[in-house]
Amino acid sequence: MQGVWACLLMCGYASARISAHLRIPPDASTNGQDPFDTFQDISQMLQFGFLLGWFVGVFEAHRFAYLFHWRRIYWIVIFIGTPPVYAAISRIPALQHSLSDVSRWGAGMWILIIFVAIVAVTVIVWHLYAAWTTHSKRGLLTYFGSRITVQM
């Protein structure tokens, strides 16, 4: 299980590096990155990726089997395809802003921010509802307690 997870993390990393090599976004550069920097990037990605996998339970047999079932191959495609899509967003002039220049954001940026906020709140509410309907009261308190403790 851990080997498959590591391969998936490496594919995501490769997707991001290939995007940078193709100059997506335009200011991306793979020149000048020495092997030590690459090793450090991969080490940190694997370290935090395995920690994330442990926290979300990817290494539990039933969750791993559910996640990597052939019917859910779409999420792997989304995972690997996200870095180039995210990098390509920076080519859209309306979205070329940072949090430091909020006063100059255009309508496109505000629409994106509002959309992302709505999606995030929807996912959180759905997550809480799913936990409420599938767990006993004791299980629910344990579930929320473990999530809140990790966040602190």
N, C-alpha and C. Protein backbone atom coordinates (compact mmCIF):
# COMPACT_ATOMS: atom_id res chain seq x y z
N MET A 1 0.81 -1.19 0.00
CA MET A 1 0.00 0.00 0.00
C MET A 1 0.86 1.27 0.00
N GLN A 2 1.88 1.29 0.85
CA GLN A 2 2.72 2.47 0.94
C GLN A 2 3.48 2.70 -0.38
N GLY A 3 3.85 1.61 -1.05
CA GLY A 3 4.55 1.75 -2.32
C GLY A 3 3.68 2.37 -3.39
N VAL A 4 2.42 1.98 -3.44
CA VAL A 4 1.48 2.56 -4.41
C VAL A 4 1.26 4.03 -4.09
N TRP A 5 1.12 4.34 -2.82
CA TRP A 5 0.94 5.73 -2.40
C TRP A 5 2.17 6.56 -2.78
N ALA A 6 3.37 6.02 -2.55
CA ALA A 6 4.59 6.73 -2.91
C ALA A 6 4.67 6.96 -4.42
N CYS A 7 4.27 5.96 -5.21
CA CYS A 7 4.26 6.11 -6.67
C CYS A 7 3.29 7.21 -7.09
N LEU A 8 2.13 7.26 -6.45
CA LEU A 8 1.15 8.30 -6.78
C LEU A 8 1.71 9.68 -6.44
N LEU A 9 2.35 9.82 -5.28
CA LEU A 9 2.96 11.09 -4.92
C LEU A 9 4.04 11.48 -5.92
N MET A 10 4.85 10.52 -6.33
CA MET A 10 5.90 10.81 -7.31
C MET A 10 5.32 11.20 -8.67
N CYS A 11 4.21 10.60 -9.06
CA CYS A 11 3.56 10.98 -10.32
C CYS A 11 3.05 12.41 -10.24
N GLY A 12 2.50 12.80 -9.10
CA GLY A 12 2.08 14.19 -8.92
C GLY A 12 3.26 15.15 -8.99
N TYR A 13 4.37 14.76 -8.37
CA TYR A 13 5.57 15.59 -8.42
C TYR A 13 6.08 15.70 -9.85
N ALA A 14 6.10 14.58 -10.57
CA ALA A 14 6.56 14.58 -11.97
C ALA A 14 5.66 15.46 -12.83
N SER A 15 4.37 15.41 -12.58
CA SER A 15 3.43 16.26 -13.32
C SER A 15 3.75 17.74 -13.12
N ALA A 16 4.04 18.12 -11.90
CA ALA A 16 4.38 19.51 -11.61
C ALA A 16 5.71 19.90 -12.26
N ARG A 17 6.69 19.02 -12.21
CA ARG A 17 8.00 19.33 -12.80
C ARG A 17 7.93 19.37 -14.33
N ILE A 18 7.14 18.50 -14.93
CA ILE A 18 6.98 18.54 -16.39
C ILE A 18 6.29 19.84 -16.80
N SER A 19 5.31 20.26 -16.03
CA SER A 19 4.65 21.54 -16.31
C SER A 19 5.65 22.68 -16.25
N ALA A 20 6.51 22.67 -15.24
CA ALA A 20 7.52 23.72 -15.13
C ALA A 20 8.50 23.67 -16.30
N HIS A 21 8.87 22.47 -16.72
CA HIS A 21 9.78 22.33 -17.86
C HIS A 21 9.15 22.87 -19.15
N LEU A 22 7.83 22.76 -19.27
CA LEU A 22 7.11 23.27 -20.44
C LEU A 22 6.75 24.75 -20.29
N ARG A 23 7.28 25.37 -19.22
CA ARG A 23 7.07 26.79 -18.94
C ARG A 23 5.61 27.12 -18.64
N ILE A 24 4.94 26.22 -17.93
CA ILE A 24 3.59 26.47 -17.44
C ILE A 24 3.70 26.51 -15.92
N PRO A 25 3.60 27.62 -15.29
CA PRO A 25 3.35 28.99 -15.77
C PRO A 25 4.58 29.57 -16.45
N PRO A 26 4.41 30.71 -17.14
CA PRO A 26 5.50 31.27 -17.93
C PRO A 26 6.76 31.59 -17.14
N ASP A 27 6.63 31.89 -15.86
CA ASP A 27 7.81 32.23 -15.06
C ASP A 27 8.46 31.01 -14.40
N ALA A 28 7.96 29.82 -14.71
CA ALA A 28 8.52 28.59 -14.14
C ALA A 28 9.88 28.30 -14.76
N SER A 29 10.73 27.71 -13.97
CA SER A 29 12.05 27.38 -14.48
C SER A 29 12.56 26.12 -13.78
N THR A 30 13.11 25.22 -14.57
CA THR A 30 13.75 24.05 -14.00
C THR A 30 15.27 24.19 -14.07
N ASN A 31 15.73 25.26 -14.70
CA ASN A 31 17.17 25.51 -14.78
C ASN A 31 17.68 25.99 -13.44
N GLY A 32 18.83 25.55 -13.09
CA GLY A 32 19.46 26.03 -11.87
C GLY A 32 19.07 25.26 -10.62
N GLN A 33 18.19 24.29 -10.73
CA GLN A 33 17.86 23.49 -9.55
C GLN A 33 18.85 22.34 -9.47
N ASP A 34 19.65 22.36 -8.45
CA ASP A 34 20.66 21.31 -8.33
C ASP A 34 20.05 20.04 -7.74
N PRO A 35 20.77 18.94 -7.83
CA PRO A 35 20.25 17.66 -7.33
C PRO A 35 19.89 17.69 -5.84
N PHE A 36 20.61 18.48 -5.06
CA PHE A 36 20.28 18.57 -3.64
C PHE A 36 18.88 19.16 -3.43
N ASP A 37 18.55 20.22 -4.19
CA ASP A 37 17.22 20.83 -4.08
C ASP A 37 16.14 19.83 -4.49
N THR A 38 16.40 19.09 -5.56
CA THR A 38 15.43 18.09 -6.01
C THR A 38 15.25 17.00 -4.95
N PHE A 39 16.37 16.54 -4.38
CA PHE A 39 16.30 15.54 -3.33
C PHE A 39 15.53 16.06 -2.12
N GLN A 40 15.76 17.32 -1.76
CA GLN A 40 15.06 17.92 -0.62
C GLN A 40 13.56 18.02 -0.92
N ASP A 41 13.20 18.43 -2.14
CA ASP A 41 11.78 18.51 -2.52
C ASP A 41 11.10 17.15 -2.41
N ILE A 42 11.75 16.14 -2.98
CA ILE A 42 11.16 14.79 -2.97
C ILE A 42 11.08 14.24 -1.55
N SER A 43 12.12 14.47 -0.76
CA SER A 43 12.11 13.99 0.63
C SER A 43 10.97 14.60 1.42
N GLN A 44 10.81 15.90 1.31
CA GLN A 44 9.72 16.56 2.05
C GLN A 44 8.36 16.13 1.53
N MET A 45 8.23 15.97 0.21
CA MET A 45 6.96 15.54 -0.35
C MET A 45 6.59 14.15 0.15
N LEU A 46 7.55 13.24 0.18
CA LEU A 46 7.27 11.90 0.68
C LEU A 46 6.99 11.90 2.18
N GLN A 47 7.76 12.68 2.92
CA GLN A 47 7.55 12.75 4.37
C GLN A 47 6.15 13.26 4.69
N PHE A 48 5.78 14.39 4.13
CA PHE A 48 4.47 14.96 4.42
C PHE A 48 3.36 14.17 3.74
N GLY A 49 3.65 13.58 2.59
CA GLY A 49 2.66 12.74 1.90
C GLY A 49 2.33 11.49 2.70
N PHE A 50 3.35 10.86 3.28
CA PHE A 50 3.09 9.68 4.11
C PHE A 50 2.37 10.06 5.41
N LEU A 51 2.71 11.22 5.96
CA LEU A 51 2.01 11.69 7.15
C LEU A 51 0.53 11.94 6.81
N LEU A 52 0.28 12.58 5.70
CA LEU A 52 -1.10 12.79 5.26
C LEU A 52 -1.82 11.46 5.04
N GLY A 53 -1.15 10.53 4.37
CA GLY A 53 -1.75 9.21 4.13
C GLY A 53 -2.10 8.50 5.43
N TRP A 54 -1.25 8.64 6.42
CA TRP A 54 -1.52 8.01 7.71
C TRP A 54 -2.71 8.68 8.39
N PHE A 55 -2.75 10.04 8.37
CA PHE A 55 -3.85 10.75 9.02
C PHE A 55 -5.20 10.44 8.38
N VAL A 56 -5.26 10.32 7.07
CA VAL A 56 -6.55 10.08 6.41
C VAL A 56 -6.86 8.60 6.26
N GLY A 57 -5.95 7.74 6.67
CA GLY A 57 -6.23 6.31 6.70
C GLY A 57 -6.04 5.58 5.38
N VAL A 58 -5.24 6.13 4.48
CA VAL A 58 -5.02 5.48 3.18
C VAL A 58 -4.36 4.12 3.37
N PHE A 59 -3.60 3.95 4.43
CA PHE A 59 -2.87 2.70 4.63
C PHE A 59 -3.71 1.61 5.30
N GLU A 60 -4.96 1.92 5.64
CA GLU A 60 -5.87 0.89 6.14
C GLU A 60 -6.40 0.12 4.93
N ALA A 61 -6.44 -1.20 5.05
CA ALA A 61 -6.75 -2.05 3.90
C ALA A 61 -8.08 -1.71 3.25
N HIS A 62 -9.14 -1.51 4.02
CA HIS A 62 -10.45 -1.25 3.42
C HIS A 62 -10.50 0.11 2.74
N ARG A 63 -9.84 1.12 3.30
CA ARG A 63 -9.82 2.44 2.65
C ARG A 63 -8.95 2.42 1.41
N PHE A 64 -7.84 1.73 1.48
CA PHE A 64 -6.96 1.63 0.33
C PHE A 64 -7.69 0.93 -0.82
N ALA A 65 -8.37 -0.18 -0.51
CA ALA A 65 -9.11 -0.92 -1.54
C ALA A 65 -10.22 -0.05 -2.13
N TYR A 66 -10.88 0.74 -1.31
CA TYR A 66 -11.94 1.62 -1.81
C TYR A 66 -11.36 2.70 -2.73
N LEU A 67 -10.28 3.33 -2.27
CA LEU A 67 -9.70 4.45 -2.99
C LEU A 67 -9.07 4.03 -4.32
N PHE A 68 -8.41 2.89 -4.33
CA PHE A 68 -7.70 2.46 -5.53
C PHE A 68 -8.47 1.43 -6.35
N HIS A 69 -9.77 1.37 -6.17
CA HIS A 69 -10.62 0.51 -7.00
C HIS A 69 -10.69 1.12 -8.40
N TRP A 70 -10.79 0.28 -9.43
CA TRP A 70 -10.76 0.78 -10.80
C TRP A 70 -11.92 1.73 -11.10
N ARG A 71 -13.01 1.65 -10.36
CA ARG A 71 -14.14 2.56 -10.59
C ARG A 71 -13.83 3.99 -10.15
N ARG A 72 -12.83 4.15 -9.31
CA ARG A 72 -12.48 5.48 -8.84
C ARG A 72 -11.14 5.95 -9.40
N ILE A 73 -10.82 5.50 -10.60
CA ILE A 73 -9.57 5.92 -11.24
C ILE A 73 -9.58 7.42 -11.54
N TYR A 74 -10.77 8.00 -11.62
CA TYR A 74 -10.89 9.42 -11.93
C TYR A 74 -10.13 10.30 -10.94
N TRP A 75 -10.11 9.92 -9.67
CA TRP A 75 -9.45 10.78 -8.69
C TRP A 75 -7.93 10.77 -8.89
N ILE A 76 -7.39 9.67 -9.39
CA ILE A 76 -5.96 9.64 -9.68
C ILE A 76 -5.64 10.56 -10.85
N VAL A 77 -6.52 10.55 -11.87
CA VAL A 77 -6.36 11.44 -13.01
C VAL A 77 -6.44 12.90 -12.55
N ILE A 78 -7.40 13.20 -11.67
CA ILE A 78 -7.53 14.56 -11.14
C ILE A 78 -6.28 14.95 -10.34
N PHE A 79 -5.79 14.03 -9.51
CA PHE A 79 -4.60 14.29 -8.69
C PHE A 79 -3.39 14.62 -9.56
N ILE A 80 -3.17 13.83 -10.59
CA ILE A 80 -2.00 14.03 -11.45
C ILE A 80 -2.20 15.22 -12.39
N GLY A 81 -3.45 15.49 -12.77
CA GLY A 81 -3.73 16.59 -13.68
C GLY A 81 -3.84 17.95 -13.02
N THR A 82 -3.94 17.99 -11.71
CA THR A 82 -4.11 19.27 -11.02
C THR A 82 -2.91 20.21 -11.15
N PRO A 83 -1.66 19.76 -11.00
CA PRO A 83 -0.55 20.72 -11.09
C PRO A 83 -0.49 21.50 -12.40
N PRO A 84 -0.61 20.86 -13.59
CA PRO A 84 -0.57 21.68 -14.80
C PRO A 84 -1.78 22.61 -14.95
N VAL A 85 -2.95 22.15 -14.52
CA VAL A 85 -4.14 23.01 -14.61
C VAL A 85 -3.99 24.21 -13.67
N TYR A 86 -3.56 23.94 -12.45
CA TYR A 86 -3.35 25.02 -11.48
C TYR A 86 -2.30 26.01 -11.98
N ALA A 87 -1.23 25.50 -12.56
CA ALA A 87 -0.18 26.37 -13.09
C ALA A 87 -0.68 27.18 -14.28
N ALA A 88 -1.52 26.59 -15.11
CA ALA A 88 -2.04 27.29 -16.28
C ALA A 88 -2.98 28.43 -15.91
N ILE A 89 -3.59 28.36 -14.73
CA ILE A 89 -4.48 29.43 -14.29
C ILE A 89 -3.75 30.76 -14.23
N SER A 90 -2.46 30.73 -13.95
CA SER A 90 -1.70 31.98 -13.84
C SER A 90 -1.54 32.68 -15.18
N ARG A 91 -1.92 32.04 -16.27
CA ARG A 91 -1.88 32.70 -17.57
C ARG A 91 -3.11 33.55 -17.82
N ILE A 92 -4.14 33.41 -17.00
CA ILE A 92 -5.37 34.18 -17.17
C ILE A 92 -5.16 35.55 -16.52
N PRO A 93 -5.20 36.63 -17.31
CA PRO A 93 -4.89 37.96 -16.75
C PRO A 93 -5.76 38.37 -15.55
N ALA A 94 -7.04 38.02 -15.57
CA ALA A 94 -7.92 38.42 -14.47
C ALA A 94 -7.54 37.75 -13.16
N LEU A 95 -6.78 36.67 -13.22
CA LEU A 95 -6.43 35.92 -12.01
C LEU A 95 -4.98 36.10 -11.59
N GLN A 96 -4.29 37.07 -12.16
CA GLN A 96 -2.89 37.29 -11.84
C GLN A 96 -2.75 38.29 -10.69
N HIS A 97 -3.23 37.88 -9.53
CA HIS A 97 -3.19 38.73 -8.35
C HIS A 97 -2.73 37.91 -7.16
N SER A 98 -2.37 38.61 -6.10
CA SER A 98 -2.02 37.95 -4.85
C SER A 98 -2.87 38.54 -3.74
N LEU A 99 -2.73 37.98 -2.56
CA LEU A 99 -3.50 38.48 -1.42
C LEU A 99 -3.05 39.86 -0.97
N SER A 100 -1.89 40.28 -1.41
CA SER A 100 -1.38 41.59 -0.99
C SER A 100 -1.98 42.74 -1.79
N ASP A 101 -2.64 42.47 -2.91
CA ASP A 101 -3.22 43.54 -3.72
C ASP A 101 -4.74 43.37 -3.90
N VAL A 102 -5.42 43.11 -2.80
CA VAL A 102 -6.87 42.87 -2.82
C VAL A 102 -7.61 44.06 -3.44
N SER A 103 -7.13 45.25 -3.22
CA SER A 103 -7.82 46.44 -3.73
C SER A 103 -7.83 46.49 -5.25
N ARG A 104 -6.94 45.76 -5.91
CA ARG A 104 -6.87 45.77 -7.37
C ARG A 104 -7.48 44.53 -8.01
N TRP A 105 -8.11 43.67 -7.23
CA TRP A 105 -8.73 42.47 -7.79
C TRP A 105 -9.87 42.86 -8.71
N GLY A 106 -9.96 42.17 -9.82
CA GLY A 106 -11.06 42.38 -10.75
C GLY A 106 -12.22 41.45 -10.44
N ALA A 107 -13.25 41.54 -11.27
CA ALA A 107 -14.45 40.72 -11.06
C ALA A 107 -14.12 39.23 -11.18
N GLY A 108 -13.25 38.87 -12.10
CA GLY A 108 -12.89 37.46 -12.28
C GLY A 108 -12.27 36.85 -11.03
N MET A 109 -11.41 37.61 -10.39
CA MET A 109 -10.76 37.12 -9.17
C MET A 109 -11.78 36.97 -8.04
N TRP A 110 -12.68 37.94 -7.91
CA TRP A 110 -13.70 37.86 -6.85
C TRP A 110 -14.65 36.70 -7.10
N ILE A 111 -15.00 36.47 -8.35
CA ILE A 111 -15.87 35.33 -8.68
C ILE A 111 -15.18 34.02 -8.30
N LEU A 112 -13.90 33.92 -8.61
CA LEU A 112 -13.16 32.71 -8.28
C LEU A 112 -13.07 32.52 -6.77
N ILE A 113 -12.75 33.57 -6.04
CA ILE A 113 -12.63 33.47 -4.58
C ILE A 113 -13.96 33.06 -3.96
N ILE A 114 -15.06 33.68 -4.40
CA ILE A 114 -16.38 33.33 -3.87
C ILE A 114 -16.74 31.89 -4.21
N PHE A 115 -16.44 31.46 -5.44
CA PHE A 115 -16.72 30.09 -5.85
C PHE A 115 -15.94 29.09 -4.99
N VAL A 116 -14.65 29.35 -4.79
CA VAL A 116 -13.82 28.45 -3.98
C VAL A 116 -14.34 28.42 -2.54
N ALA A 117 -14.74 29.56 -2.00
CA ALA A 117 -15.27 29.60 -0.63
C ALA A 117 -16.56 28.79 -0.53
N ILE A 118 -17.44 28.91 -1.52
CA ILE A 118 -18.69 28.14 -1.51
C ILE A 118 -18.41 26.65 -1.59
N VAL A 119 -17.48 26.26 -2.46
CA VAL A 119 -17.13 24.84 -2.57
C VAL A 119 -16.53 24.34 -1.26
N ALA A 120 -15.65 25.10 -0.64
CA ALA A 120 -15.02 24.68 0.62
C ALA A 120 -16.06 24.51 1.72
N VAL A 121 -16.96 25.47 1.86
CA VAL A 121 -17.99 25.38 2.89
C VAL A 121 -18.91 24.19 2.61
N THR A 122 -19.26 23.98 1.34
CA THR A 122 -20.11 22.85 0.97
C THR A 122 -19.45 21.53 1.33
N VAL A 123 -18.18 21.39 1.04
CA VAL A 123 -17.46 20.15 1.36
C VAL A 123 -17.41 19.93 2.87
N ILE A 124 -17.16 20.98 3.62
CA ILE A 124 -17.11 20.84 5.08
C ILE A 124 -18.48 20.46 5.64
N VAL A 125 -19.54 21.11 5.17
CA VAL A 125 -20.89 20.79 5.64
C VAL A 125 -21.26 19.36 5.27
N TRP A 126 -20.93 18.96 4.04
CA TRP A 126 -21.21 17.58 3.63
C TRP A 126 -20.45 16.59 4.52
N HIS A 127 -19.20 16.89 4.80
CA HIS A 127 -18.38 16.03 5.63
C HIS A 127 -18.98 15.87 7.02
N LEU A 128 -19.41 16.98 7.60
CA LEU A 128 -20.03 16.93 8.92
C LEU A 128 -21.36 16.16 8.88
N TYR A 129 -22.14 16.37 7.84
CA TYR A 129 -23.41 15.65 7.69
C TYR A 129 -23.17 14.15 7.54
N ALA A 130 -22.19 13.79 6.71
CA ALA A 130 -21.88 12.37 6.52
C ALA A 130 -21.43 11.74 7.83
N ALA A 131 -20.61 12.45 8.59
CA ALA A 131 -20.17 11.93 9.89
C ALA A 131 -21.35 11.80 10.85
N TRP A 132 -22.26 12.77 10.83
CA TRP A 132 -23.43 12.75 11.70
C TRP A 132 -24.34 11.57 11.40
N THR A 133 -24.51 11.25 10.10
CA THR A 133 -25.45 10.18 9.72
C THR A 133 -24.84 8.79 9.79
N THR A 134 -23.53 8.67 9.82
CA THR A 134 -22.91 7.34 9.80
C THR A 134 -22.33 6.88 11.13
N HIS A 135 -22.15 7.78 12.07
CA HIS A 135 -21.54 7.42 13.34
C HIS A 135 -22.56 7.47 14.48
N SER A 136 -22.30 6.67 15.52
CA SER A 136 -23.07 6.80 16.75
C SER A 136 -22.64 8.08 17.44
N LYS A 137 -23.38 8.49 18.47
CA LYS A 137 -23.03 9.71 19.19
C LYS A 137 -21.60 9.64 19.74
N ARG A 138 -21.27 8.50 20.33
CA ARG A 138 -19.93 8.33 20.90
C ARG A 138 -18.88 8.33 19.79
N GLY A 139 -19.18 7.62 18.71
CA GLY A 139 -18.26 7.59 17.58
C GLY A 139 -18.10 8.97 16.96
N LEU A 140 -19.20 9.72 16.89
CA LEU A 140 -19.16 11.06 16.32
C LEU A 140 -18.29 11.99 17.18
N LEU A 141 -18.45 11.93 18.49
CA LEU A 141 -17.62 12.76 19.37
C LEU A 141 -16.15 12.38 19.25
N THR A 142 -15.88 11.09 19.15
CA THR A 142 -14.50 10.64 18.97
C THR A 142 -13.95 11.14 17.65
N TYR A 143 -14.76 11.05 16.60
CA TYR A 143 -14.35 11.50 15.26
C TYR A 143 -14.04 12.99 15.28
N PHE A 144 -14.97 13.81 15.79
CA PHE A 144 -14.74 15.25 15.83
C PHE A 144 -13.56 15.59 16.73
N GLY A 145 -13.47 14.91 17.88
CA GLY A 145 -12.36 15.17 18.79
C GLY A 145 -11.01 14.90 18.14
N SER A 146 -10.92 13.81 17.38
CA SER A 146 -9.64 13.49 16.74
C SER A 146 -9.30 14.50 15.65
N ARG A 147 -10.30 14.99 14.92
CA ARG A 147 -10.04 15.97 13.87
C ARG A 147 -9.68 17.33 14.46
N ILE A 148 -10.37 17.72 15.52
CA ILE A 148 -10.08 19.01 16.14
C ILE A 148 -8.71 18.99 16.81
N THR A 149 -8.36 17.88 17.46
CA THR A 149 -7.06 17.75 18.11
C THR A 149 -5.93 17.87 17.11
N VAL A 150 -6.08 17.26 15.95
CA VAL A 150 -5.05 17.31 14.92
C VAL A 150 -4.88 18.75 14.43
N GLN A 151 -5.97 19.50 14.38
CA GLN A 151 -5.92 20.88 13.87
C GLN A 151 -5.24 21.83 14.85
N MET A 152 -5.16 21.48 16.11
CA MET A 152 -4.59 22.40 17.10
C MET A 152 -3.11 22.33 17.16
